[in-house]
Amino acid sequence: MENEINVRQLWDKVVNEVKLRVIHPTLWRTLEMAIPITIEGNQFIVGMAPGTFHMSGHMTSSEHKNAIERAIAQFSGQQLSLRVIEGSTFQDWVQVKRKDESLQALKEAAQKKREAETAVTKSWEGLLEMVGRRYASTPLRQLPQFRARYLVEMLKAISETMDELMPQGKIDELAERSLARVIEKVATLTDVPPAIIALELMRYRRK
């Protein structure tokens, strides 16, 4: 790929300049083995052959990378970030970009999943808090008939939350565990075994 800046000539100048600035023979040898590939966006892409890529760390350490990037800016007139890849051709860079894109897509999907799980968790936690508040505000809650009224109200609230957060036919462990916490909370407050609360919830939803 042709660039407005001749990357080979630019890299030769950078190598010579860094040698003057940094006394580190191993870094010098690494710079000499590196192959300038292209400038893309705000990156200066340099390749290392597979057999020598293990030496790239000498260029990417913080101190050395800063020195290289200052030299690149000096001779190119641009603030460019050094990117070292395994490979020596522009096609190698294309392959690296494809891998980067795939990795980014996976990261974004994972982030969306985490955000969705967080939203679901907050919804269940909100229901859990409501269960406690509603019981605290129930009059004469020590009497069984008032506890029964509270229980019916909670079954309705739990069922509505299930309709929203637990699509039928799909088992979600996070949602199931969150549901169990709510059932156990209601069971504790009403002094009814959790399995009985769950059974009543199933009967309520069947209606």
N, C-alpha and C. Protein backbone atom coordinates (compact mmCIF):
# COMPACT_ATOMS: atom_id res chain seq x y z
N MET A 1 0.85 -1.19 0.00
CA MET A 1 0.00 0.00 0.00
C MET A 1 0.88 1.23 0.00
N GLU A 2 0.63 2.17 -0.92
CA GLU A 2 1.40 3.39 -1.01
C GLU A 2 0.87 4.42 -0.03
N ASN A 3 1.76 5.12 0.65
CA ASN A 3 1.38 6.17 1.57
C ASN A 3 1.96 7.48 1.07
N GLU A 4 1.34 8.61 1.49
CA GLU A 4 1.90 9.90 1.16
C GLU A 4 3.30 10.02 1.76
N ILE A 5 3.52 9.36 2.90
CA ILE A 5 4.82 9.32 3.53
C ILE A 5 5.46 7.97 3.18
N ASN A 6 6.70 8.01 2.75
CA ASN A 6 7.41 6.77 2.47
C ASN A 6 7.81 6.14 3.80
N VAL A 7 7.12 5.07 4.19
CA VAL A 7 7.31 4.50 5.52
C VAL A 7 8.71 3.89 5.69
N ARG A 8 9.29 3.40 4.60
CA ARG A 8 10.63 2.81 4.70
C ARG A 8 11.66 3.88 5.04
N GLN A 9 11.60 4.99 4.31
CA GLN A 9 12.54 6.07 4.56
C GLN A 9 12.31 6.68 5.94
N LEU A 10 11.03 6.83 6.29
CA LEU A 10 10.71 7.39 7.60
C LEU A 10 11.25 6.49 8.71
N TRP A 11 11.05 5.19 8.56
CA TRP A 11 11.50 4.27 9.60
C TRP A 11 13.02 4.29 9.74
N ASP A 12 13.74 4.38 8.63
CA ASP A 12 15.20 4.45 8.70
C ASP A 12 15.64 5.66 9.51
N LYS A 13 14.98 6.79 9.30
CA LYS A 13 15.32 8.00 10.06
C LYS A 13 15.00 7.80 11.55
N VAL A 14 13.85 7.16 11.81
CA VAL A 14 13.44 6.92 13.20
C VAL A 14 14.45 6.02 13.89
N VAL A 15 14.87 4.97 13.22
CA VAL A 15 15.83 4.03 13.81
C VAL A 15 17.12 4.76 14.16
N ASN A 16 17.64 5.55 13.24
CA ASN A 16 18.89 6.27 13.48
C ASN A 16 18.74 7.26 14.64
N GLU A 17 17.59 7.92 14.71
CA GLU A 17 17.37 8.90 15.77
C GLU A 17 17.27 8.23 17.14
N VAL A 18 16.56 7.11 17.19
CA VAL A 18 16.40 6.41 18.46
C VAL A 18 17.74 5.87 18.94
N LYS A 19 18.57 5.44 18.01
CA LYS A 19 19.90 4.96 18.40
C LYS A 19 20.72 6.06 19.07
N LEU A 20 20.51 7.30 18.63
CA LEU A 20 21.22 8.42 19.24
C LEU A 20 20.66 8.73 20.63
N ARG A 21 19.36 8.53 20.80
CA ARG A 21 18.69 8.90 22.05
C ARG A 21 18.78 7.82 23.12
N VAL A 22 18.75 6.57 22.70
CA VAL A 22 18.66 5.46 23.66
C VAL A 22 19.85 4.52 23.47
N ILE A 23 20.63 4.37 24.51
CA ILE A 23 21.77 3.44 24.45
C ILE A 23 21.30 2.07 24.91
N HIS A 24 20.93 1.24 23.91
CA HIS A 24 20.39 -0.09 24.22
C HIS A 24 20.60 -0.97 22.98
N PRO A 25 21.74 -1.65 22.89
CA PRO A 25 22.05 -2.44 21.69
C PRO A 25 20.98 -3.43 21.28
N THR A 26 20.31 -4.07 22.25
CA THR A 26 19.27 -5.04 21.89
C THR A 26 18.10 -4.33 21.22
N LEU A 27 17.76 -3.16 21.72
CA LEU A 27 16.71 -2.37 21.07
C LEU A 27 17.14 -1.99 19.67
N TRP A 28 18.40 -1.62 19.48
CA TRP A 28 18.88 -1.26 18.15
C TRP A 28 18.69 -2.42 17.17
N ARG A 29 19.10 -3.61 17.61
CA ARG A 29 18.96 -4.79 16.73
C ARG A 29 17.49 -5.04 16.40
N THR A 30 16.62 -4.86 17.41
CA THR A 30 15.18 -5.08 17.19
C THR A 30 14.64 -4.08 16.17
N LEU A 31 15.03 -2.83 16.31
CA LEU A 31 14.59 -1.79 15.37
C LEU A 31 15.05 -2.11 13.94
N GLU A 32 16.27 -2.61 13.82
CA GLU A 32 16.81 -2.94 12.49
C GLU A 32 16.06 -4.12 11.86
N MET A 33 15.60 -5.05 12.71
CA MET A 33 14.85 -6.20 12.19
C MET A 33 13.40 -5.85 11.87
N ALA A 34 12.87 -4.80 12.49
CA ALA A 34 11.47 -4.43 12.29
C ALA A 34 11.24 -3.97 10.85
N ILE A 35 10.04 -4.25 10.35
CA ILE A 35 9.70 -3.93 8.96
C ILE A 35 8.55 -2.93 8.96
N PRO A 36 8.77 -1.70 8.50
CA PRO A 36 7.68 -0.73 8.43
C PRO A 36 6.67 -1.17 7.38
N ILE A 37 5.39 -1.13 7.74
CA ILE A 37 4.36 -1.64 6.83
C ILE A 37 3.49 -0.52 6.27
N THR A 38 2.91 0.29 7.15
CA THR A 38 2.01 1.34 6.67
C THR A 38 1.70 2.31 7.80
N ILE A 39 1.13 3.42 7.41
CA ILE A 39 0.53 4.35 8.37
C ILE A 39 -0.97 4.32 8.14
N GLU A 40 -1.71 4.05 9.17
CA GLU A 40 -3.17 3.96 9.03
C GLU A 40 -3.82 4.64 10.23
N GLY A 41 -4.67 5.63 9.92
CA GLY A 41 -5.29 6.39 11.00
C GLY A 41 -4.20 7.11 11.78
N ASN A 42 -4.18 6.87 13.07
CA ASN A 42 -3.15 7.49 13.91
C ASN A 42 -2.11 6.47 14.36
N GLN A 43 -1.94 5.41 13.56
CA GLN A 43 -1.01 4.35 13.92
C GLN A 43 0.09 4.18 12.87
N PHE A 44 1.29 3.96 13.36
CA PHE A 44 2.41 3.58 12.49
C PHE A 44 2.60 2.08 12.69
N ILE A 45 2.35 1.32 11.65
CA ILE A 45 2.34 -0.14 11.76
C ILE A 45 3.71 -0.70 11.38
N VAL A 46 4.29 -1.43 12.32
CA VAL A 46 5.59 -2.05 12.10
C VAL A 46 5.44 -3.55 12.32
N GLY A 47 6.07 -4.35 11.46
CA GLY A 47 5.97 -5.79 11.58
C GLY A 47 7.27 -6.44 12.02
N MET A 48 7.11 -7.59 12.67
CA MET A 48 8.26 -8.42 13.03
C MET A 48 7.98 -9.82 12.50
N ALA A 49 8.96 -10.42 11.87
CA ALA A 49 8.79 -11.78 11.36
C ALA A 49 8.50 -12.73 12.51
N PRO A 50 7.73 -13.79 12.27
CA PRO A 50 7.36 -14.71 13.35
C PRO A 50 8.53 -15.19 14.20
N GLY A 51 9.67 -15.40 13.58
CA GLY A 51 10.83 -15.90 14.33
C GLY A 51 11.48 -14.86 15.22
N THR A 52 11.14 -13.60 15.00
CA THR A 52 11.76 -12.52 15.79
C THR A 52 10.73 -11.72 16.59
N PHE A 53 9.47 -12.10 16.48
CA PHE A 53 8.41 -11.30 17.12
C PHE A 53 8.59 -11.24 18.64
N HIS A 54 9.21 -12.27 19.22
CA HIS A 54 9.41 -12.28 20.67
C HIS A 54 10.26 -11.10 21.13
N MET A 55 11.01 -10.49 20.21
CA MET A 55 11.85 -9.35 20.56
C MET A 55 11.10 -8.03 20.53
N SER A 56 9.84 -8.05 20.07
CA SER A 56 9.08 -6.81 19.92
C SER A 56 8.88 -6.08 21.24
N GLY A 57 8.97 -6.83 22.35
CA GLY A 57 8.80 -6.19 23.65
C GLY A 57 9.82 -5.09 23.91
N HIS A 58 10.97 -5.17 23.25
CA HIS A 58 11.97 -4.11 23.42
C HIS A 58 11.49 -2.79 22.82
N MET A 59 10.61 -2.86 21.82
CA MET A 59 10.07 -1.64 21.22
C MET A 59 8.82 -1.14 21.94
N THR A 60 8.11 -2.05 22.55
CA THR A 60 6.81 -1.68 23.13
C THR A 60 6.87 -1.38 24.62
N SER A 61 8.04 -1.53 25.24
CA SER A 61 8.14 -1.11 26.64
C SER A 61 7.91 0.39 26.69
N SER A 62 7.38 0.87 27.78
CA SER A 62 6.94 2.26 27.87
C SER A 62 8.02 3.26 27.47
N GLU A 63 9.21 3.12 28.04
CA GLU A 63 10.28 4.08 27.78
C GLU A 63 10.70 4.07 26.31
N HIS A 64 10.91 2.87 25.77
CA HIS A 64 11.36 2.76 24.39
C HIS A 64 10.27 3.18 23.40
N LYS A 65 9.04 2.81 23.69
CA LYS A 65 7.93 3.17 22.80
C LYS A 65 7.79 4.69 22.72
N ASN A 66 7.92 5.36 23.86
CA ASN A 66 7.84 6.82 23.88
C ASN A 66 8.94 7.45 23.03
N ALA A 67 10.13 6.90 23.14
CA ALA A 67 11.25 7.43 22.35
C ALA A 67 11.01 7.23 20.86
N ILE A 68 10.50 6.06 20.49
CA ILE A 68 10.22 5.78 19.08
C ILE A 68 9.13 6.70 18.55
N GLU A 69 8.08 6.87 19.33
CA GLU A 69 6.96 7.72 18.88
C GLU A 69 7.37 9.19 18.77
N ARG A 70 8.26 9.64 19.65
CA ARG A 70 8.75 11.02 19.53
C ARG A 70 9.54 11.19 18.24
N ALA A 71 10.34 10.19 17.90
CA ALA A 71 11.10 10.25 16.66
C ALA A 71 10.18 10.20 15.44
N ILE A 72 9.14 9.37 15.51
CA ILE A 72 8.18 9.30 14.41
C ILE A 72 7.52 10.67 14.21
N ALA A 73 7.11 11.29 15.31
CA ALA A 73 6.48 12.61 15.22
C ALA A 73 7.44 13.64 14.65
N GLN A 74 8.71 13.54 15.03
CA GLN A 74 9.72 14.50 14.56
C GLN A 74 9.87 14.46 13.05
N PHE A 75 9.87 13.24 12.48
CA PHE A 75 10.14 13.12 11.04
C PHE A 75 8.88 13.05 10.17
N SER A 76 7.75 12.75 10.79
CA SER A 76 6.51 12.66 10.00
C SER A 76 5.64 13.90 10.15
N GLY A 77 5.84 14.62 11.26
CA GLY A 77 4.98 15.77 11.52
C GLY A 77 3.62 15.37 12.04
N GLN A 78 3.49 14.11 12.45
CA GLN A 78 2.21 13.61 12.97
C GLN A 78 2.44 12.89 14.30
N GLN A 79 1.41 12.97 15.17
CA GLN A 79 1.45 12.21 16.41
C GLN A 79 0.88 10.82 16.12
N LEU A 80 1.78 9.86 15.96
CA LEU A 80 1.37 8.51 15.60
C LEU A 80 1.73 7.54 16.71
N SER A 81 0.85 6.57 16.92
CA SER A 81 1.08 5.53 17.92
C SER A 81 1.72 4.33 17.25
N LEU A 82 2.79 3.82 17.86
CA LEU A 82 3.47 2.66 17.30
C LEU A 82 2.66 1.40 17.55
N ARG A 83 2.42 0.63 16.50
CA ARG A 83 1.73 -0.66 16.62
C ARG A 83 2.64 -1.72 16.00
N VAL A 84 3.02 -2.69 16.81
CA VAL A 84 3.90 -3.75 16.33
C VAL A 84 3.07 -5.02 16.16
N ILE A 85 3.13 -5.62 14.97
CA ILE A 85 2.38 -6.83 14.69
C ILE A 85 3.33 -7.96 14.31
N GLU A 86 2.80 -9.17 14.37
CA GLU A 86 3.57 -10.32 13.91
C GLU A 86 3.29 -10.50 12.42
N GLY A 87 4.31 -10.31 11.61
CA GLY A 87 4.14 -10.37 10.17
C GLY A 87 5.00 -9.32 9.52
N SER A 88 5.06 -9.36 8.20
CA SER A 88 5.95 -8.43 7.50
C SER A 88 5.32 -7.78 6.28
N THR A 89 4.06 -8.09 6.01
CA THR A 89 3.43 -7.55 4.81
C THR A 89 2.14 -6.82 5.16
N PHE A 90 1.64 -6.06 4.18
CA PHE A 90 0.38 -5.36 4.39
C PHE A 90 -0.76 -6.35 4.58
N GLN A 91 -0.69 -7.50 3.91
CA GLN A 91 -1.72 -8.52 4.08
C GLN A 91 -1.73 -9.05 5.52
N ASP A 92 -0.55 -9.14 6.11
CA ASP A 92 -0.49 -9.55 7.53
C ASP A 92 -1.24 -8.54 8.39
N TRP A 93 -1.08 -7.26 8.08
CA TRP A 93 -1.79 -6.21 8.81
C TRP A 93 -3.29 -6.32 8.63
N VAL A 94 -3.71 -6.65 7.41
CA VAL A 94 -5.14 -6.84 7.14
C VAL A 94 -5.69 -7.96 8.01
N GLN A 95 -4.95 -9.05 8.12
CA GLN A 95 -5.38 -10.18 8.95
C GLN A 95 -5.47 -9.78 10.43
N VAL A 96 -4.50 -9.00 10.88
CA VAL A 96 -4.51 -8.53 12.27
C VAL A 96 -5.74 -7.66 12.52
N LYS A 97 -6.07 -6.80 11.57
CA LYS A 97 -7.25 -5.94 11.72
C LYS A 97 -8.52 -6.77 11.80
N ARG A 98 -8.59 -7.82 11.01
CA ARG A 98 -9.77 -8.68 11.05
C ARG A 98 -9.91 -9.34 12.42
N LYS A 99 -8.78 -9.78 12.96
CA LYS A 99 -8.80 -10.38 14.30
C LYS A 99 -9.22 -9.34 15.34
N ASP A 100 -8.70 -8.12 15.18
CA ASP A 100 -9.07 -7.04 16.10
C ASP A 100 -10.58 -6.79 16.07
N GLU A 101 -11.13 -6.77 14.85
CA GLU A 101 -12.57 -6.52 14.69
C GLU A 101 -13.39 -7.64 15.34
N SER A 102 -12.93 -8.89 15.14
CA SER A 102 -13.64 -10.02 15.74
C SER A 102 -13.58 -9.95 17.25
N LEU A 103 -12.40 -9.62 17.78
CA LEU A 103 -12.24 -9.51 19.23
C LEU A 103 -13.09 -8.39 19.79
N GLN A 104 -13.14 -7.25 19.07
CA GLN A 104 -13.96 -6.12 19.51
C GLN A 104 -15.43 -6.49 19.52
N ALA A 105 -15.86 -7.24 18.50
CA ALA A 105 -17.26 -7.67 18.45
C ALA A 105 -17.59 -8.57 19.64
N LEU A 106 -16.66 -9.45 19.98
CA LEU A 106 -16.88 -10.33 21.14
C LEU A 106 -16.93 -9.52 22.43
N LYS A 107 -16.06 -8.52 22.55
CA LYS A 107 -16.06 -7.68 23.75
C LYS A 107 -17.36 -6.91 23.87
N GLU A 108 -17.84 -6.38 22.74
CA GLU A 108 -19.09 -5.61 22.77
C GLU A 108 -20.27 -6.51 23.13
N ALA A 109 -20.27 -7.74 22.59
CA ALA A 109 -21.35 -8.67 22.91
C ALA A 109 -21.32 -9.03 24.39
N ALA A 110 -20.11 -9.24 24.91
CA ALA A 110 -19.98 -9.57 26.34
C ALA A 110 -20.43 -8.40 27.20
N GLN A 111 -20.09 -7.19 26.78
CA GLN A 111 -20.50 -6.00 27.53
C GLN A 111 -22.02 -5.84 27.54
N LYS A 112 -22.64 -6.07 26.37
CA LYS A 112 -24.10 -5.99 26.29
C LYS A 112 -24.75 -7.04 27.19
N LYS A 113 -24.15 -8.23 27.22
CA LYS A 113 -24.68 -9.29 28.07
C LYS A 113 -24.59 -8.90 29.53
N ARG A 114 -23.43 -8.34 29.92
CA ARG A 114 -23.26 -7.90 31.31
C ARG A 114 -24.26 -6.80 31.66
N GLU A 115 -24.46 -5.87 30.73
CA GLU A 115 -25.41 -4.79 30.98
C GLU A 115 -26.83 -5.32 31.12
N ALA A 116 -27.17 -6.30 30.27
CA ALA A 116 -28.51 -6.89 30.36
C ALA A 116 -28.68 -7.64 31.68
N GLU A 117 -27.65 -8.37 32.09
CA GLU A 117 -27.72 -9.10 33.36
C GLU A 117 -27.83 -8.14 34.53
N THR A 118 -27.11 -7.02 34.44
CA THR A 118 -27.19 -6.01 35.51
C THR A 118 -28.58 -5.42 35.60
N ALA A 119 -29.18 -5.15 34.43
CA ALA A 119 -30.54 -4.59 34.42
C ALA A 119 -31.53 -5.57 35.01
N VAL A 120 -31.37 -6.86 34.66
CA VAL A 120 -32.27 -7.89 35.19
C VAL A 120 -32.11 -8.01 36.70
N THR A 121 -30.85 -8.02 37.14
CA THR A 121 -30.58 -8.13 38.58
C THR A 121 -31.20 -6.97 39.34
N LYS A 122 -31.08 -5.76 38.79
CA LYS A 122 -31.66 -4.59 39.45
C LYS A 122 -33.17 -4.69 39.52
N SER A 123 -33.79 -5.25 38.47
CA SER A 123 -35.25 -5.41 38.48
C SER A 123 -35.68 -6.37 39.57
N TRP A 124 -34.97 -7.48 39.69
CA TRP A 124 -35.30 -8.44 40.75
C TRP A 124 -35.03 -7.85 42.14
N GLU A 125 -33.95 -7.10 42.26
CA GLU A 125 -33.64 -6.48 43.55
C GLU A 125 -34.71 -5.45 43.93
N GLY A 126 -35.22 -4.76 42.89
CA GLY A 126 -36.31 -3.81 43.14
C GLY A 126 -37.55 -4.52 43.65
N LEU A 127 -37.85 -5.69 43.07
CA LEU A 127 -39.00 -6.48 43.53
C LEU A 127 -38.76 -6.97 44.95
N LEU A 128 -37.52 -7.37 45.22
CA LEU A 128 -37.18 -7.87 46.56
C LEU A 128 -37.39 -6.77 47.61
N GLU A 129 -36.98 -5.56 47.28
CA GLU A 129 -37.17 -4.43 48.19
C GLU A 129 -38.65 -4.13 48.38
N MET A 130 -39.42 -4.19 47.28
CA MET A 130 -40.85 -3.93 47.36
C MET A 130 -41.56 -4.94 48.25
N VAL A 131 -41.12 -6.22 48.17
CA VAL A 131 -41.70 -7.28 49.00
C VAL A 131 -41.57 -6.92 50.48
N GLY A 132 -40.38 -6.47 50.86
CA GLY A 132 -40.17 -6.09 52.26
C GLY A 132 -40.95 -4.86 52.67
N ARG A 133 -40.95 -3.83 51.79
CA ARG A 133 -41.67 -2.59 52.13
C ARG A 133 -43.17 -2.84 52.25
N ARG A 134 -43.69 -3.63 51.32
CA ARG A 134 -45.14 -3.87 51.32
C ARG A 134 -45.56 -4.64 52.57
N TYR A 135 -44.73 -5.57 53.00
CA TYR A 135 -45.06 -6.32 54.21
C TYR A 135 -45.03 -5.39 55.42
N ALA A 136 -44.04 -4.53 55.47
CA ALA A 136 -43.92 -3.61 56.61
C ALA A 136 -45.12 -2.67 56.70
N SER A 137 -45.74 -2.37 55.54
CA SER A 137 -46.88 -1.44 55.55
C SER A 137 -48.23 -2.17 55.63
N THR A 138 -48.20 -3.50 55.70
CA THR A 138 -49.44 -4.27 55.79
C THR A 138 -50.02 -4.17 57.21
N PRO A 139 -51.26 -3.70 57.36
CA PRO A 139 -51.84 -3.58 58.70
C PRO A 139 -52.21 -4.96 59.26
N LEU A 140 -52.12 -5.11 60.54
CA LEU A 140 -52.51 -6.35 61.22
C LEU A 140 -51.86 -7.58 60.59
N ARG A 141 -50.60 -7.43 60.17
CA ARG A 141 -49.92 -8.52 59.45
C ARG A 141 -49.67 -9.75 60.32
N GLN A 142 -49.88 -9.59 61.65
CA GLN A 142 -49.72 -10.75 62.51
C GLN A 142 -50.91 -11.71 62.39
N LEU A 143 -52.01 -11.24 61.79
CA LEU A 143 -53.20 -12.08 61.62
C LEU A 143 -53.11 -12.86 60.31
N PRO A 144 -53.52 -14.12 60.31
CA PRO A 144 -53.36 -14.96 59.12
C PRO A 144 -54.10 -14.45 57.89
N GLN A 145 -55.31 -13.86 58.08
CA GLN A 145 -56.07 -13.39 56.92
C GLN A 145 -55.36 -12.22 56.21
N PHE A 146 -54.67 -11.38 56.99
CA PHE A 146 -53.96 -10.25 56.38
C PHE A 146 -52.67 -10.72 55.72
N ARG A 147 -52.06 -11.74 56.30
CA ARG A 147 -50.90 -12.33 55.65
C ARG A 147 -51.29 -12.98 54.33
N ALA A 148 -52.50 -13.59 54.32
CA ALA A 148 -52.99 -14.22 53.10
C ALA A 148 -53.21 -13.18 52.01
N ARG A 149 -53.77 -12.02 52.38
CA ARG A 149 -53.98 -10.95 51.41
C ARG A 149 -52.64 -10.45 50.86
N TYR A 150 -51.70 -10.31 51.76
CA TYR A 150 -50.35 -9.89 51.35
C TYR A 150 -49.76 -10.91 50.38
N LEU A 151 -49.95 -12.19 50.70
CA LEU A 151 -49.40 -13.24 49.86
C LEU A 151 -49.99 -13.21 48.46
N VAL A 152 -51.30 -13.02 48.37
CA VAL A 152 -51.96 -12.94 47.06
C VAL A 152 -51.41 -11.76 46.26
N GLU A 153 -51.21 -10.64 46.93
CA GLU A 153 -50.66 -9.46 46.26
C GLU A 153 -49.25 -9.73 45.75
N MET A 154 -48.45 -10.42 46.55
CA MET A 154 -47.08 -10.72 46.14
C MET A 154 -47.03 -11.72 45.00
N LEU A 155 -47.94 -12.70 45.01
CA LEU A 155 -47.99 -13.66 43.90
C LEU A 155 -48.24 -12.93 42.58
N LYS A 156 -49.12 -11.95 42.62
CA LYS A 156 -49.42 -11.17 41.41
C LYS A 156 -48.19 -10.38 40.97
N ALA A 157 -47.51 -9.73 41.92
CA ALA A 157 -46.33 -8.93 41.59
C ALA A 157 -45.20 -9.80 41.05
N ILE A 158 -45.00 -10.95 41.67
CA ILE A 158 -43.95 -11.87 41.21
C ILE A 158 -44.28 -12.38 39.82
N SER A 159 -45.52 -12.73 39.60
CA SER A 159 -45.93 -13.26 38.29
C SER A 159 -45.73 -12.22 37.19
N GLU A 160 -46.06 -10.98 37.48
CA GLU A 160 -45.88 -9.91 36.48
C GLU A 160 -44.40 -9.73 36.16
N THR A 161 -43.56 -9.83 37.18
CA THR A 161 -42.12 -9.70 36.95
C THR A 161 -41.61 -10.87 36.13
N MET A 162 -42.13 -12.05 36.38
CA MET A 162 -41.74 -13.22 35.59
C MET A 162 -42.12 -13.04 34.13
N ASP A 163 -43.31 -12.50 33.88
CA ASP A 163 -43.73 -12.26 32.49
C ASP A 163 -42.76 -11.33 31.77
N GLU A 164 -42.23 -10.37 32.54
CA GLU A 164 -41.33 -9.36 31.94
C GLU A 164 -39.91 -9.88 31.77
N LEU A 165 -39.42 -10.63 32.76
CA LEU A 165 -38.00 -10.98 32.78
C LEU A 165 -37.70 -12.45 32.50
N MET A 166 -38.73 -13.28 32.42
CA MET A 166 -38.48 -14.70 32.21
C MET A 166 -39.36 -15.21 31.06
N PRO A 167 -38.90 -15.03 29.82
CA PRO A 167 -39.68 -15.51 28.66
C PRO A 167 -39.96 -17.00 28.77
N GLN A 168 -41.16 -17.39 28.39
CA GLN A 168 -41.54 -18.80 28.48
C GLN A 168 -40.67 -19.65 27.56
N GLY A 169 -40.35 -20.83 28.05
CA GLY A 169 -39.56 -21.77 27.26
C GLY A 169 -38.07 -21.55 27.34
N LYS A 170 -37.63 -20.53 28.08
CA LYS A 170 -36.21 -20.24 28.20
C LYS A 170 -35.80 -20.30 29.66
N ILE A 171 -34.84 -21.17 29.97
CA ILE A 171 -34.35 -21.29 31.34
C ILE A 171 -33.13 -20.40 31.50
N ASP A 172 -33.22 -19.48 32.43
CA ASP A 172 -32.13 -18.54 32.72
C ASP A 172 -31.75 -18.72 34.19
N GLU A 173 -30.55 -19.24 34.42
CA GLU A 173 -30.14 -19.54 35.80
C GLU A 173 -30.14 -18.30 36.68
N LEU A 174 -29.68 -17.16 36.13
CA LEU A 174 -29.65 -15.93 36.91
C LEU A 174 -31.06 -15.52 37.34
N ALA A 175 -31.99 -15.58 36.40
CA ALA A 175 -33.37 -15.22 36.72
C ALA A 175 -33.99 -16.22 37.70
N GLU A 176 -33.71 -17.50 37.51
CA GLU A 176 -34.27 -18.53 38.41
C GLU A 176 -33.78 -18.32 39.84
N ARG A 177 -32.50 -18.01 39.98
CA ARG A 177 -31.96 -17.78 41.32
C ARG A 177 -32.53 -16.50 41.93
N SER A 178 -32.74 -15.49 41.11
CA SER A 178 -33.33 -14.24 41.60
C SER A 178 -34.77 -14.47 42.04
N LEU A 179 -35.50 -15.26 41.25
CA LEU A 179 -36.87 -15.60 41.61
C LEU A 179 -36.91 -16.36 42.94
N ALA A 180 -35.97 -17.29 43.10
CA ALA A 180 -35.93 -18.07 44.34
C ALA A 180 -35.69 -17.18 45.55
N ARG A 181 -34.86 -16.16 45.40
CA ARG A 181 -34.60 -15.23 46.50
C ARG A 181 -35.88 -14.51 46.91
N VAL A 182 -36.65 -14.09 45.90
CA VAL A 182 -37.89 -13.38 46.19
C VAL A 182 -38.88 -14.31 46.90
N ILE A 183 -39.00 -15.53 46.38
CA ILE A 183 -39.90 -16.51 47.00
C ILE A 183 -39.50 -16.77 48.45
N GLU A 184 -38.19 -16.93 48.66
CA GLU A 184 -37.71 -17.18 50.02
C GLU A 184 -37.97 -15.98 50.94
N LYS A 185 -37.89 -14.78 50.39
CA LYS A 185 -38.18 -13.59 51.19
C LYS A 185 -39.65 -13.56 51.61
N VAL A 186 -40.53 -13.83 50.66
CA VAL A 186 -41.97 -13.86 50.97
C VAL A 186 -42.24 -14.98 51.98
N ALA A 187 -41.60 -16.11 51.79
CA ALA A 187 -41.81 -17.25 52.69
C ALA A 187 -41.39 -16.89 54.12
N THR A 188 -40.26 -16.22 54.25
CA THR A 188 -39.79 -15.82 55.57
C THR A 188 -40.76 -14.85 56.25
N LEU A 189 -41.25 -13.89 55.47
CA LEU A 189 -42.14 -12.88 56.04
C LEU A 189 -43.49 -13.47 56.44
N THR A 190 -43.98 -14.42 55.66
CA THR A 190 -45.31 -14.98 55.93
C THR A 190 -45.26 -16.25 56.76
N ASP A 191 -44.05 -16.70 57.06
CA ASP A 191 -43.87 -17.92 57.85
C ASP A 191 -44.50 -19.13 57.15
N VAL A 192 -44.27 -19.19 55.82
CA VAL A 192 -44.78 -20.28 54.99
C VAL A 192 -43.58 -20.92 54.30
N PRO A 193 -43.51 -22.25 54.20
CA PRO A 193 -42.37 -22.90 53.53
C PRO A 193 -42.20 -22.38 52.10
N PRO A 194 -40.97 -22.13 51.66
CA PRO A 194 -40.74 -21.63 50.29
C PRO A 194 -41.37 -22.50 49.21
N ALA A 195 -41.32 -23.81 49.39
CA ALA A 195 -41.88 -24.70 48.36
C ALA A 195 -43.38 -24.48 48.23
N ILE A 196 -44.05 -24.17 49.31
CA ILE A 196 -45.50 -23.90 49.25
C ILE A 196 -45.76 -22.60 48.51
N ILE A 197 -44.92 -21.58 48.77
CA ILE A 197 -45.06 -20.32 48.05
C ILE A 197 -44.87 -20.56 46.55
N ALA A 198 -43.84 -21.35 46.20
CA ALA A 198 -43.59 -21.66 44.80
C ALA A 198 -44.76 -22.41 44.18
N LEU A 199 -45.34 -23.33 44.93
CA LEU A 199 -46.49 -24.08 44.44
C LEU A 199 -47.68 -23.16 44.20
N GLU A 200 -47.94 -22.25 45.13
CA GLU A 200 -49.04 -21.30 44.97
C GLU A 200 -48.79 -20.37 43.78
N LEU A 201 -47.53 -20.04 43.56
CA LEU A 201 -47.20 -19.20 42.41
C LEU A 201 -47.49 -19.93 41.12
N MET A 202 -47.17 -21.22 41.06
CA MET A 202 -47.46 -22.02 39.87
C MET A 202 -48.97 -22.09 39.64
N ARG A 203 -49.74 -22.29 40.69
CA ARG A 203 -51.19 -22.35 40.57
C ARG A 203 -51.75 -21.02 40.10
N TYR A 204 -51.21 -19.94 40.66
CA TYR A 204 -51.67 -18.60 40.27
C TYR A 204 -51.44 -18.36 38.77
N ARG A 205 -50.27 -18.75 38.30
CA ARG A 205 -49.92 -18.51 36.89
C ARG A 205 -50.72 -19.42 35.96
N ARG A 206 -51.07 -20.60 36.40
CA ARG A 206 -51.89 -21.49 35.57
C ARG A 206 -53.28 -20.93 35.34
N LYS A 207 -53.77 -20.13 36.30
CA LYS A 207 -55.10 -19.54 36.15
C LYS A 207 -55.09 -18.48 35.06
